[in-house]
Amino acid sequence: MKRVSEKSKISPQEAEIHYQSSKENYNIEGAESHLAYYREKYPLYYAQLLQNV
């Protein structure tokens, strides 16, 4: 996983919308969950979501 060291310019609302839209378009391949896929594919958005949980 990439480290996210700089301050994100993504708002919490934008990150949530991005996550939901990604979830709608996600096709299950094997046992990988959407969250694991999202964490790997979009580390900046994932980090923003973690900060606002």
PDB file of N, CA and C in Angstrom:
ATOM      1  N   MET A   1       0.840  -1.180   0.000  1.00  0.00           N
ATOM      2  CA  MET A   1       0.000   0.000   0.000  1.00  0.00           C
ATOM      3  C   MET A   1       0.879   1.235   0.000  1.00  0.00           C
ATOM      4  N   LYS A   2       0.476   2.224  -0.757  1.00  0.00           N
ATOM      5  CA  LYS A   2       1.225   3.477  -0.818  1.00  0.00           C
ATOM      6  C   LYS A   2       0.987   4.279   0.454  1.00  0.00           C
ATOM      7  N   ARG A   3       2.019   4.956   0.898  1.00  0.00           N
ATOM      8  CA  ARG A   3       1.861   5.812   2.066  1.00  0.00           C
ATOM      9  C   ARG A   3       1.321   7.163   1.612  1.00  0.00           C
ATOM     10  N   VAL A   4       0.418   7.702   2.393  1.00  0.00           N
ATOM     11  CA  VAL A   4      -0.172   8.996   2.092  1.00  0.00           C
ATOM     12  C   VAL A   4       0.354   9.968   3.128  1.00  0.00           C
ATOM     13  N   SER A   5       1.352  10.756   2.738  1.00  0.00           N
ATOM     14  CA  SER A   5       1.995  11.630   3.704  1.00  0.00           C
ATOM     15  C   SER A   5       1.561  13.085   3.563  1.00  0.00           C
ATOM     16  N   GLU A   6       1.072  13.463   2.402  1.00  0.00           N
ATOM     17  CA  GLU A   6       0.666  14.852   2.239  1.00  0.00           C
ATOM     18  C   GLU A   6      -0.797  15.030   2.616  1.00  0.00           C
ATOM     19  N   LYS A   7      -1.149  16.258   3.010  1.00  0.00           N
ATOM     20  CA  LYS A   7      -2.512  16.564   3.404  1.00  0.00           C
ATOM     21  C   LYS A   7      -3.429  16.436   2.197  1.00  0.00           C
ATOM     22  N   SER A   8      -4.494  15.700   2.367  1.00  0.00           N
ATOM     23  CA  SER A   8      -5.431  15.453   1.276  1.00  0.00           C
ATOM     24  C   SER A   8      -6.268  16.698   0.998  1.00  0.00           C
ATOM     25  N   LYS A   9      -6.515  16.955  -0.277  1.00  0.00           N
ATOM     26  CA  LYS A   9      -7.363  18.064  -0.669  1.00  0.00           C
ATOM     27  C   LYS A   9      -8.763  17.573  -1.005  1.00  0.00           C
ATOM     28  N   ILE A  10      -9.047  16.358  -0.614  1.00  0.00           N
ATOM     29  CA  ILE A  10     -10.335  15.739  -0.871  1.00  0.00           C
ATOM     30  C   ILE A  10     -11.226  15.957   0.346  1.00  0.00           C
ATOM     31  N   SER A  11     -12.430  16.445   0.117  1.00  0.00           N
ATOM     32  CA  SER A  11     -13.347  16.647   1.235  1.00  0.00           C
ATOM     33  C   SER A  11     -13.933  15.303   1.668  1.00  0.00           C
ATOM     34  N   PRO A  12     -14.362  15.211   2.917  1.00  0.00           N
ATOM     35  CA  PRO A  12     -14.984  13.967   3.376  1.00  0.00           C
ATOM     36  C   PRO A  12     -16.207  13.586   2.535  1.00  0.00           C
ATOM     37  N   GLN A  13     -16.986  14.578   2.134  1.00  0.00           N
ATOM     38  CA  GLN A  13     -18.171  14.314   1.326  1.00  0.00           C
ATOM     39  C   GLN A  13     -17.780  13.776  -0.047  1.00  0.00           C
ATOM     40  N   GLU A  14     -16.767  14.363  -0.639  1.00  0.00           N
ATOM     41  CA  GLU A  14     -16.285  13.906  -1.943  1.00  0.00           C
ATOM     42  C   GLU A  14     -15.756  12.477  -1.850  1.00  0.00           C
ATOM     43  N   ALA A  15     -15.042  12.171  -0.783  1.00  0.00           N
ATOM     44  CA  ALA A  15     -14.509  10.826  -0.596  1.00  0.00           C
ATOM     45  C   ALA A  15     -15.641   9.812  -0.444  1.00  0.00           C
ATOM     46  N   GLU A  16     -16.674  10.169   0.302  1.00  0.00           N
ATOM     47  CA  GLU A  16     -17.810   9.261   0.496  1.00  0.00           C
ATOM     48  C   GLU A  16     -18.553   9.019  -0.817  1.00  0.00           C
ATOM     49  N   ILE A  17     -18.775  10.056  -1.591  1.00  0.00           N
ATOM     50  CA  ILE A  17     -19.439   9.923  -2.893  1.00  0.00           C
ATOM     51  C   ILE A  17     -18.596   9.050  -3.820  1.00  0.00           C
ATOM     52  N   HIS A  18     -17.301   9.272  -3.818  1.00  0.00           N
ATOM     53  CA  HIS A  18     -16.400   8.489  -4.663  1.00  0.00           C
ATOM     54  C   HIS A  18     -16.443   7.020  -4.265  1.00  0.00           C
ATOM     55  N   TYR A  19     -16.431   6.753  -2.966  1.00  0.00           N
ATOM     56  CA  TYR A  19     -16.482   5.374  -2.476  1.00  0.00           C
ATOM     57  C   TYR A  19     -17.783   4.689  -2.903  1.00  0.00           C
ATOM     58  N   GLN A  20     -18.893   5.375  -2.734  1.00  0.00           N
ATOM     59  CA  GLN A  20     -20.190   4.784  -3.092  1.00  0.00           C
ATOM     60  C   GLN A  20     -20.284   4.516  -4.592  1.00  0.00           C
ATOM     61  N   SER A  21     -19.794   5.444  -5.407  1.00  0.00           N
ATOM     62  CA  SER A  21     -19.848   5.218  -6.853  1.00  0.00           C
ATOM     63  C   SER A  21     -18.912   4.088  -7.267  1.00  0.00           C
ATOM     64  N   SER A  22     -17.788   3.963  -6.603  1.00  0.00           N
ATOM     65  CA  SER A  22     -16.874   2.865  -6.885  1.00  0.00           C
ATOM     66  C   SER A  22     -17.516   1.534  -6.501  1.00  0.00           C
ATOM     67  N   LYS A  23     -18.221   1.537  -5.398  1.00  0.00           N
ATOM     68  CA  LYS A  23     -18.880   0.323  -4.918  1.00  0.00           C
ATOM     69  C   LYS A  23     -19.946  -0.144  -5.911  1.00  0.00           C
ATOM     70  N   GLU A  24     -20.665   0.798  -6.510  1.00  0.00           N
ATOM     71  CA  GLU A  24     -21.705   0.452  -7.485  1.00  0.00           C
ATOM     72  C   GLU A  24     -21.115  -0.200  -8.727  1.00  0.00           C
ATOM     73  N   ASN A  25     -19.910   0.197  -9.105  1.00  0.00           N
ATOM     74  CA  ASN A  25     -19.277  -0.311 -10.316  1.00  0.00           C
ATOM     75  C   ASN A  25     -18.323  -1.472 -10.063  1.00  0.00           C
ATOM     76  N   TYR A  26     -18.211  -1.904  -8.811  1.00  0.00           N
ATOM     77  CA  TYR A  26     -17.267  -2.953  -8.448  1.00  0.00           C
ATOM     78  C   TYR A  26     -17.842  -4.333  -8.745  1.00  0.00           C
ATOM     79  N   ASN A  27     -17.070  -5.137  -9.429  1.00  0.00           N
ATOM     80  CA  ASN A  27     -17.441  -6.523  -9.688  1.00  0.00           C
ATOM     81  C   ASN A  27     -16.579  -7.416  -8.815  1.00  0.00           C
ATOM     82  N   ILE A  28     -17.189  -8.320  -8.083  1.00  0.00           N
ATOM     83  CA  ILE A  28     -16.455  -9.217  -7.193  1.00  0.00           C
ATOM     84  C   ILE A  28     -15.627 -10.187  -8.027  1.00  0.00           C
ATOM     85  N   GLU A  29     -14.335 -10.176  -7.777  1.00  0.00           N
ATOM     86  CA  GLU A  29     -13.424 -11.105  -8.439  1.00  0.00           C
ATOM     87  C   GLU A  29     -12.687 -11.865  -7.349  1.00  0.00           C
ATOM     88  N   GLY A  30     -13.012 -13.117  -7.209  1.00  0.00           N
ATOM     89  CA  GLY A  30     -12.390 -13.908  -6.154  1.00  0.00           C
ATOM     90  C   GLY A  30     -12.943 -13.510  -4.802  1.00  0.00           C
ATOM     91  N   ALA A  31     -12.098 -13.519  -3.809  1.00  0.00           N
ATOM     92  CA  ALA A  31     -12.537 -13.223  -2.445  1.00  0.00           C
ATOM     93  C   ALA A  31     -12.214 -11.798  -2.020  1.00  0.00           C
ATOM     94  N   GLU A  32     -11.718 -10.993  -2.931  1.00  0.00           N
ATOM     95  CA  GLU A  32     -11.337  -9.627  -2.567  1.00  0.00           C
ATOM     96  C   GLU A  32     -12.571  -8.779  -2.291  1.00  0.00           C
ATOM     97  N   SER A  33     -12.613  -8.161  -1.147  1.00  0.00           N
ATOM     98  CA  SER A  33     -13.733  -7.291  -0.809  1.00  0.00           C
ATOM     99  C   SER A  33     -13.574  -5.948  -1.513  1.00  0.00           C
ATOM    100  N   HIS A  34     -14.661  -5.227  -1.592  1.00  0.00           N
ATOM    101  CA  HIS A  34     -14.596  -3.900  -2.206  1.00  0.00           C
ATOM    102  C   HIS A  34     -13.682  -2.980  -1.408  1.00  0.00           C
ATOM    103  N   LEU A  35     -13.729  -3.080  -0.085  1.00  0.00           N
ATOM    104  CA  LEU A  35     -12.900  -2.217   0.750  1.00  0.00           C
ATOM    105  C   LEU A  35     -11.416  -2.462   0.505  1.00  0.00           C
ATOM    106  N   ALA A  36     -11.008  -3.719   0.393  1.00  0.00           N
ATOM    107  CA  ALA A  36      -9.605  -4.031   0.105  1.00  0.00           C
ATOM    108  C   ALA A  36      -9.211  -3.506  -1.266  1.00  0.00           C
ATOM    109  N   TYR A  37     -10.087  -3.681  -2.235  1.00  0.00           N
ATOM    110  CA  TYR A  37      -9.861  -3.165  -3.588  1.00  0.00           C
ATOM    111  C   TYR A  37      -9.725  -1.641  -3.554  1.00  0.00           C
ATOM    112  N   TYR A  38     -10.635  -0.992  -2.855  1.00  0.00           N
ATOM    113  CA  TYR A  38     -10.658   0.470  -2.794  1.00  0.00           C
ATOM    114  C   TYR A  38      -9.406   1.014  -2.112  1.00  0.00           C
ATOM    115  N   ARG A  39      -8.993   0.359  -1.041  1.00  0.00           N
ATOM    116  CA  ARG A  39      -7.785   0.775  -0.302  1.00  0.00           C
ATOM    117  C   ARG A  39      -6.564   0.741  -1.216  1.00  0.00           C
ATOM    118  N   GLU A  40      -6.461  -0.288  -2.044  1.00  0.00           N
ATOM    119  CA  GLU A  40      -5.318  -0.432  -2.946  1.00  0.00           C
ATOM    120  C   GLU A  40      -5.408   0.490  -4.160  1.00  0.00           C
ATOM    121  N   LYS A  41      -6.595   0.630  -4.701  1.00  0.00           N
ATOM    122  CA  LYS A  41      -6.785   1.373  -5.952  1.00  0.00           C
ATOM    123  C   LYS A  41      -6.821   2.894  -5.734  1.00  0.00           C
ATOM    124  N   TYR A  42      -7.397   3.334  -4.627  1.00  0.00           N
ATOM    125  CA  TYR A  42      -7.580   4.765  -4.359  1.00  0.00           C
ATOM    126  C   TYR A  42      -7.073   5.131  -2.965  1.00  0.00           C
ATOM    127  N   PRO A  43      -5.772   5.109  -2.739  1.00  0.00           N
ATOM    128  CA  PRO A  43      -5.247   5.329  -1.381  1.00  0.00           C
ATOM    129  C   PRO A  43      -5.559   6.713  -0.800  1.00  0.00           C
ATOM    130  N   LEU A  44      -5.611   7.758  -1.627  1.00  0.00           N
ATOM    131  CA  LEU A  44      -5.907   9.097  -1.097  1.00  0.00           C
ATOM    132  C   LEU A  44      -7.341   9.190  -0.604  1.00  0.00           C
ATOM    133  N   TYR A  45      -8.269   8.663  -1.385  1.00  0.00           N
ATOM    134  CA  TYR A  45      -9.668   8.677  -0.966  1.00  0.00           C
ATOM    135  C   TYR A  45      -9.864   7.797   0.269  1.00  0.00           C
ATOM    136  N   TYR A  46      -9.214   6.650   0.277  1.00  0.00           N
ATOM    137  CA  TYR A  46      -9.316   5.741   1.421  1.00  0.00           C
ATOM    138  C   TYR A  46      -8.789   6.417   2.694  1.00  0.00           C
ATOM    139  N   ALA A  47      -7.663   7.080   2.585  1.00  0.00           N
ATOM    140  CA  ALA A  47      -7.085   7.763   3.746  1.00  0.00           C
ATOM    141  C   ALA A  47      -8.024   8.852   4.261  1.00  0.00           C
ATOM    142  N   GLN A  48      -8.665   9.572   3.357  1.00  0.00           N
ATOM    143  CA  GLN A  48      -9.609  10.615   3.759  1.00  0.00           C
ATOM    144  C   GLN A  48     -10.798   9.997   4.492  1.00  0.00           C
ATOM    145  N   LEU A  49     -11.303   8.872   3.990  1.00  0.00           N
ATOM    146  CA  LEU A  49     -12.402   8.209   4.676  1.00  0.00           C
ATOM    147  C   LEU A  49     -12.005   7.756   6.078  1.00  0.00           C
ATOM    148  N   LEU A  50     -10.795   7.237   6.220  1.00  0.00           N
ATOM    149  CA  LEU A  50     -10.321   6.786   7.532  1.00  0.00           C
ATOM    150  C   LEU A  50     -10.242   7.932   8.540  1.00  0.00           C
ATOM    151  N   GLN A  51      -9.857   9.098   8.068  1.00  0.00           N
ATOM    152  CA  GLN A  51      -9.711  10.248   8.956  1.00  0.00           C
ATOM    153  C   GLN A  51     -11.056  10.751   9.470  1.00  0.00           C
ATOM    154  N   ASN A  52     -12.121  10.418   8.754  1.00  0.00           N
ATOM    155  CA  ASN A  52     -13.434  10.969   9.097  1.00  0.00           C
ATOM    156  C   ASN A  52     -14.420   9.911   9.569  1.00  0.00           C
ATOM    157  N   VAL A  53     -13.899   8.832  10.077  1.00  0.00           N
ATOM    158  CA  VAL A  53     -14.782   7.762  10.583  1.00  0.00           C
ATOM    159  C   VAL A  53     -15.070   8.003  12.035  1.00  0.00           C
TER     160      VAL A  53
END
